[in-house]
């Protein structure tokens, strides 16, 4: 018989997703992979918000997830636009080419 899945399982999964995203963001040089890792970190935070919302019995965590998803969509739109411009300008998609954006 399979044991039931409790809130601790979701929090452990959230922690693992956050750690994988953090390791990906810290170790990659490709800007697309860094953005994907940041999305994984935000998804881990969303899972934790929903889990705590369920544990506490209120909707505040789920409302916070809605706002995090809005910020993530804006981040993807702006981040990918900057990445596409930099790839067209330099021909590379590594994070070091973004140093040209400094004054």
N, C-alpha and C. Protein backbone atom coordinates (compact mmCIF):
# COMPACT_ATOMS: atom_id res chain seq x y z
N UNK A 1 0.83 -1.17 0.00
CA UNK A 1 0.00 0.00 0.00
C UNK A 1 0.88 1.25 0.00
N UNK A 2 0.52 2.22 -0.80
CA UNK A 2 1.29 3.45 -0.93
C UNK A 2 0.90 4.41 0.19
N UNK A 3 1.89 4.94 0.92
CA UNK A 3 1.56 5.90 1.99
C UNK A 3 1.06 7.21 1.39
N UNK A 4 0.24 7.94 2.12
CA UNK A 4 -0.29 9.21 1.59
C UNK A 4 0.83 10.26 1.49
N UNK A 5 0.64 11.15 0.55
CA UNK A 5 1.59 12.24 0.35
C UNK A 5 1.17 13.40 1.24
N UNK A 6 2.07 13.81 2.12
CA UNK A 6 1.77 14.89 3.05
C UNK A 6 2.44 16.18 2.66
N UNK A 7 2.20 17.23 3.42
CA UNK A 7 2.81 18.52 3.14
C UNK A 7 4.34 18.49 3.19
N UNK A 8 4.89 17.64 4.03
CA UNK A 8 6.36 17.58 4.11
C UNK A 8 6.97 17.10 2.81
N UNK A 9 6.27 16.23 2.10
CA UNK A 9 6.77 15.77 0.80
C UNK A 9 6.85 16.92 -0.20
N UNK A 10 5.82 17.76 -0.18
CA UNK A 10 5.81 18.90 -1.09
C UNK A 10 6.90 19.91 -0.73
N UNK A 11 7.14 20.09 0.55
CA UNK A 11 8.19 21.03 0.96
C UNK A 11 9.57 20.49 0.62
N UNK A 12 9.77 19.19 0.74
CA UNK A 12 11.05 18.59 0.34
C UNK A 12 11.23 18.74 -1.17
N UNK A 13 10.19 18.49 -1.93
CA UNK A 13 10.26 18.68 -3.38
C UNK A 13 10.56 20.13 -3.73
N UNK A 14 9.94 21.05 -3.02
CA UNK A 14 10.20 22.47 -3.24
C UNK A 14 11.66 22.81 -2.96
N UNK A 15 12.19 22.28 -1.87
CA UNK A 15 13.60 22.52 -1.54
C UNK A 15 14.54 21.94 -2.59
N UNK A 16 14.22 20.75 -3.10
CA UNK A 16 15.06 20.15 -4.14
C UNK A 16 15.01 20.96 -5.44
N UNK A 17 13.82 21.41 -5.82
CA UNK A 17 13.71 22.23 -7.02
C UNK A 17 14.47 23.54 -6.86
N UNK A 18 14.38 24.13 -5.67
CA UNK A 18 15.10 25.37 -5.42
C UNK A 18 16.61 25.14 -5.51
N UNK A 19 17.10 24.05 -4.94
CA UNK A 19 18.53 23.76 -4.97
C UNK A 19 19.01 23.49 -6.40
N UNK A 20 18.22 22.77 -7.18
CA UNK A 20 18.59 22.51 -8.57
C UNK A 20 18.62 23.82 -9.36
N UNK A 21 17.62 24.67 -9.16
CA UNK A 21 17.59 25.96 -9.85
C UNK A 21 18.75 26.85 -9.45
N UNK A 22 19.08 26.85 -8.15
CA UNK A 22 20.19 27.67 -7.68
C UNK A 22 21.52 27.18 -8.25
N UNK A 23 21.70 25.87 -8.28
CA UNK A 23 22.93 25.31 -8.85
C UNK A 23 23.01 25.61 -10.34
N UNK A 24 21.89 25.53 -11.03
CA UNK A 24 21.88 25.84 -12.46
C UNK A 24 22.18 27.29 -12.74
N UNK A 25 21.62 28.18 -11.95
CA UNK A 25 21.87 29.61 -12.15
C UNK A 25 23.30 29.98 -11.81
N UNK A 26 23.89 29.31 -10.84
CA UNK A 26 25.25 29.65 -10.43
C UNK A 26 26.31 29.04 -11.36
N UNK A 27 25.99 27.92 -12.00
CA UNK A 27 27.03 27.22 -12.76
C UNK A 27 26.96 27.44 -14.27
N UNK A 28 25.87 27.94 -14.77
CA UNK A 28 25.72 28.11 -16.23
C UNK A 28 26.21 29.47 -16.68
N UNK A 29 26.64 29.52 -17.92
CA UNK A 29 27.05 30.78 -18.52
C UNK A 29 26.08 31.22 -19.61
N UNK A 30 25.31 30.28 -20.14
CA UNK A 30 24.34 30.59 -21.17
C UNK A 30 23.16 31.33 -20.54
N UNK A 31 22.80 32.47 -21.09
CA UNK A 31 21.77 33.31 -20.48
C UNK A 31 20.41 32.64 -20.51
N UNK A 32 20.12 31.84 -21.51
CA UNK A 32 18.85 31.13 -21.58
C UNK A 32 18.76 30.11 -20.45
N UNK A 33 19.84 29.40 -20.18
CA UNK A 33 19.85 28.42 -19.10
C UNK A 33 19.73 29.11 -17.73
N UNK A 34 20.31 30.28 -17.60
CA UNK A 34 20.19 31.03 -16.35
C UNK A 34 18.74 31.45 -16.14
N UNK A 35 18.07 31.92 -17.20
CA UNK A 35 16.67 32.30 -17.08
C UNK A 35 15.79 31.10 -16.75
N UNK A 36 16.09 29.94 -17.35
CA UNK A 36 15.33 28.74 -17.02
C UNK A 36 15.54 28.32 -15.58
N UNK A 37 16.75 28.48 -15.08
CA UNK A 37 17.04 28.15 -13.68
C UNK A 37 16.29 29.10 -12.74
N UNK A 38 16.20 30.37 -13.11
CA UNK A 38 15.44 31.31 -12.30
C UNK A 38 13.96 30.96 -12.28
N UNK A 39 13.44 30.49 -13.40
CA UNK A 39 12.05 30.05 -13.44
C UNK A 39 11.84 28.84 -12.54
N UNK A 40 12.82 27.95 -12.48
CA UNK A 40 12.73 26.79 -11.60
C UNK A 40 12.73 27.22 -10.14
N UNK A 41 13.52 28.23 -9.81
CA UNK A 41 13.54 28.76 -8.44
C UNK A 41 12.18 29.37 -8.10
N UNK A 42 11.60 30.12 -9.02
CA UNK A 42 10.29 30.72 -8.77
C UNK A 42 9.20 29.65 -8.64
N UNK A 43 9.31 28.58 -9.41
CA UNK A 43 8.34 27.49 -9.30
C UNK A 43 8.46 26.79 -7.95
N UNK A 44 9.68 26.65 -7.46
CA UNK A 44 9.87 26.05 -6.14
C UNK A 44 9.26 26.92 -5.05
N UNK A 45 9.42 28.22 -5.17
CA UNK A 45 8.82 29.13 -4.20
C UNK A 45 7.29 29.07 -4.28
N UNK A 46 6.76 28.95 -5.49
CA UNK A 46 5.31 28.83 -5.65
C UNK A 46 4.78 27.57 -5.00
N UNK A 47 5.49 26.47 -5.16
CA UNK A 47 5.07 25.21 -4.54
C UNK A 47 5.07 25.33 -3.01
N UNK A 48 6.07 26.00 -2.47
CA UNK A 48 6.11 26.21 -1.02
C UNK A 48 4.96 27.12 -0.56
N UNK A 49 4.68 28.17 -1.32
CA UNK A 49 3.57 29.06 -0.98
C UNK A 49 2.24 28.30 -0.95
N UNK A 50 2.00 27.48 -1.96
CA UNK A 50 0.74 26.73 -2.02
C UNK A 50 0.68 25.71 -0.89
N UNK A 51 1.79 25.08 -0.58
CA UNK A 51 1.81 24.10 0.50
C UNK A 51 1.50 24.75 1.85
N UNK A 52 2.14 25.88 2.13
CA UNK A 52 1.87 26.57 3.39
C UNK A 52 0.45 27.14 3.42
N UNK A 53 -0.06 27.52 2.27
CA UNK A 53 -1.44 27.99 2.20
C UNK A 53 -2.40 26.87 2.56
N UNK A 54 -2.11 25.68 2.09
CA UNK A 54 -2.95 24.52 2.41
C UNK A 54 -2.83 24.15 3.89
N UNK A 55 -1.61 24.20 4.43
CA UNK A 55 -1.40 23.87 5.84
C UNK A 55 -2.14 24.85 6.74
N UNK A 56 -2.03 26.13 6.44
CA UNK A 56 -2.62 27.16 7.29
C UNK A 56 -4.11 27.36 7.03
N UNK A 57 -4.60 26.85 5.93
CA UNK A 57 -6.03 26.94 5.64
C UNK A 57 -6.50 28.30 5.18
N UNK A 58 -5.61 29.08 4.56
CA UNK A 58 -6.03 30.38 4.02
C UNK A 58 -5.56 30.49 2.57
N UNK A 59 -6.00 31.53 1.91
CA UNK A 59 -5.70 31.71 0.49
C UNK A 59 -4.56 32.69 0.23
N UNK A 60 -3.92 33.19 1.26
CA UNK A 60 -2.88 34.20 1.06
C UNK A 60 -1.70 33.68 0.26
N UNK A 61 -1.32 32.43 0.48
CA UNK A 61 -0.22 31.84 -0.28
C UNK A 61 -0.56 31.70 -1.75
N UNK A 62 -1.79 31.33 -2.03
CA UNK A 62 -2.20 31.18 -3.42
C UNK A 62 -2.30 32.53 -4.12
N UNK A 63 -2.68 33.55 -3.40
CA UNK A 63 -2.70 34.90 -3.97
C UNK A 63 -1.28 35.36 -4.27
N UNK A 64 -0.34 35.03 -3.37
CA UNK A 64 1.06 35.38 -3.59
C UNK A 64 1.61 34.66 -4.83
N UNK A 65 1.18 33.41 -5.04
CA UNK A 65 1.61 32.68 -6.23
C UNK A 65 1.14 33.39 -7.49
N UNK A 66 -0.04 33.93 -7.46
CA UNK A 66 -0.55 34.68 -8.61
C UNK A 66 0.36 35.86 -8.94
N UNK A 67 0.78 36.59 -7.93
CA UNK A 67 1.66 37.73 -8.16
C UNK A 67 3.06 37.29 -8.60
N UNK A 68 3.54 36.19 -8.06
CA UNK A 68 4.85 35.68 -8.47
C UNK A 68 4.81 35.24 -9.94
N UNK A 69 3.69 34.66 -10.36
CA UNK A 69 3.57 34.26 -11.76
C UNK A 69 3.55 35.48 -12.68
N UNK A 70 2.94 36.57 -12.24
CA UNK A 70 2.94 37.81 -13.03
C UNK A 70 4.36 38.35 -13.17
N UNK A 71 5.09 38.37 -12.06
CA UNK A 71 6.48 38.85 -12.10
C UNK A 71 7.33 37.93 -12.97
N UNK A 72 7.10 36.62 -12.89
CA UNK A 72 7.86 35.68 -13.70
C UNK A 72 7.59 35.90 -15.19
N UNK A 73 6.34 36.17 -15.54
CA UNK A 73 6.01 36.42 -16.95
C UNK A 73 6.70 37.69 -17.44
N UNK A 74 6.71 38.72 -16.61
CA UNK A 74 7.39 39.96 -17.00
C UNK A 74 8.89 39.74 -17.10
N UNK A 75 9.44 38.95 -16.19
CA UNK A 75 10.88 38.66 -16.22
C UNK A 75 11.26 37.91 -17.49
N UNK A 76 10.43 36.97 -17.87
CA UNK A 76 10.71 36.20 -19.09
C UNK A 76 10.64 37.11 -20.31
N UNK A 77 9.63 37.96 -20.37
CA UNK A 77 9.48 38.84 -21.52
C UNK A 77 10.66 39.79 -21.66
N UNK A 78 11.02 40.44 -20.57
CA UNK A 78 12.12 41.40 -20.62
C UNK A 78 13.46 40.69 -20.77
N UNK A 79 13.65 39.61 -20.02
CA UNK A 79 14.92 38.88 -20.09
C UNK A 79 15.18 38.29 -21.46
N UNK A 80 14.17 37.68 -22.05
CA UNK A 80 14.37 37.11 -23.39
C UNK A 80 14.57 38.19 -24.44
N UNK A 81 13.90 39.32 -24.30
CA UNK A 81 14.10 40.41 -25.25
C UNK A 81 15.54 40.92 -25.18
N UNK A 82 16.05 41.10 -23.97
CA UNK A 82 17.44 41.53 -23.81
C UNK A 82 18.39 40.48 -24.35
N UNK A 83 18.10 39.20 -24.09
CA UNK A 83 18.97 38.12 -24.56
C UNK A 83 19.00 38.07 -26.09
N UNK A 84 17.84 38.24 -26.72
CA UNK A 84 17.80 38.19 -28.19
C UNK A 84 18.58 39.36 -28.78
N UNK A 85 18.45 40.54 -28.20
CA UNK A 85 19.20 41.71 -28.69
C UNK A 85 20.69 41.48 -28.52
N UNK A 86 21.10 40.95 -27.39
CA UNK A 86 22.53 40.74 -27.16
C UNK A 86 23.10 39.63 -28.05
N UNK A 87 22.31 38.60 -28.31
CA UNK A 87 22.78 37.54 -29.22
C UNK A 87 22.92 38.09 -30.63
N UNK A 88 21.98 38.92 -31.05
CA UNK A 88 22.09 39.53 -32.39
C UNK A 88 23.27 40.48 -32.47
N UNK A 89 23.55 41.16 -31.37
CA UNK A 89 24.61 42.17 -31.37
C UNK A 89 26.00 41.54 -31.28
N UNK A 90 26.15 40.54 -30.39
CA UNK A 90 27.47 39.96 -30.16
C UNK A 90 27.66 38.61 -30.80
N UNK A 91 26.57 37.91 -31.10
CA UNK A 91 26.69 36.57 -31.68
C UNK A 91 26.93 35.49 -30.63
N UNK A 92 26.91 35.87 -29.35
CA UNK A 92 27.12 34.90 -28.26
C UNK A 92 25.95 35.01 -27.29
N UNK A 93 25.70 33.90 -26.60
CA UNK A 93 24.61 33.92 -25.62
C UNK A 93 25.12 33.65 -24.21
N UNK A 94 26.40 33.94 -23.97
CA UNK A 94 26.91 33.74 -22.62
C UNK A 94 26.71 35.01 -21.80
N UNK A 95 26.72 34.83 -20.50
CA UNK A 95 26.41 35.94 -19.58
C UNK A 95 27.50 37.01 -19.60
N UNK A 96 28.72 36.67 -20.01
CA UNK A 96 29.80 37.66 -20.05
C UNK A 96 29.55 38.73 -21.12
N UNK A 97 28.79 38.40 -22.16
CA UNK A 97 28.51 39.40 -23.20
C UNK A 97 27.58 40.49 -22.69
N UNK A 98 26.93 40.26 -21.56
CA UNK A 98 26.04 41.26 -20.98
C UNK A 98 26.79 42.34 -20.24
N UNK A 99 28.08 42.20 -20.10
CA UNK A 99 28.88 43.25 -19.46
C UNK A 99 28.91 44.51 -20.32
N UNK A 100 28.59 44.37 -21.59
CA UNK A 100 28.55 45.53 -22.49
C UNK A 100 27.39 46.48 -22.15
N UNK A 101 26.45 46.03 -21.32
CA UNK A 101 25.32 46.87 -20.97
C UNK A 101 25.68 47.90 -19.91
N UNK A 102 26.86 47.80 -19.31
CA UNK A 102 27.29 48.79 -18.31
C UNK A 102 27.56 50.12 -19.00
N UNK A 103 27.52 51.17 -18.20
CA UNK A 103 27.80 52.49 -18.75
C UNK A 103 29.25 52.63 -19.02
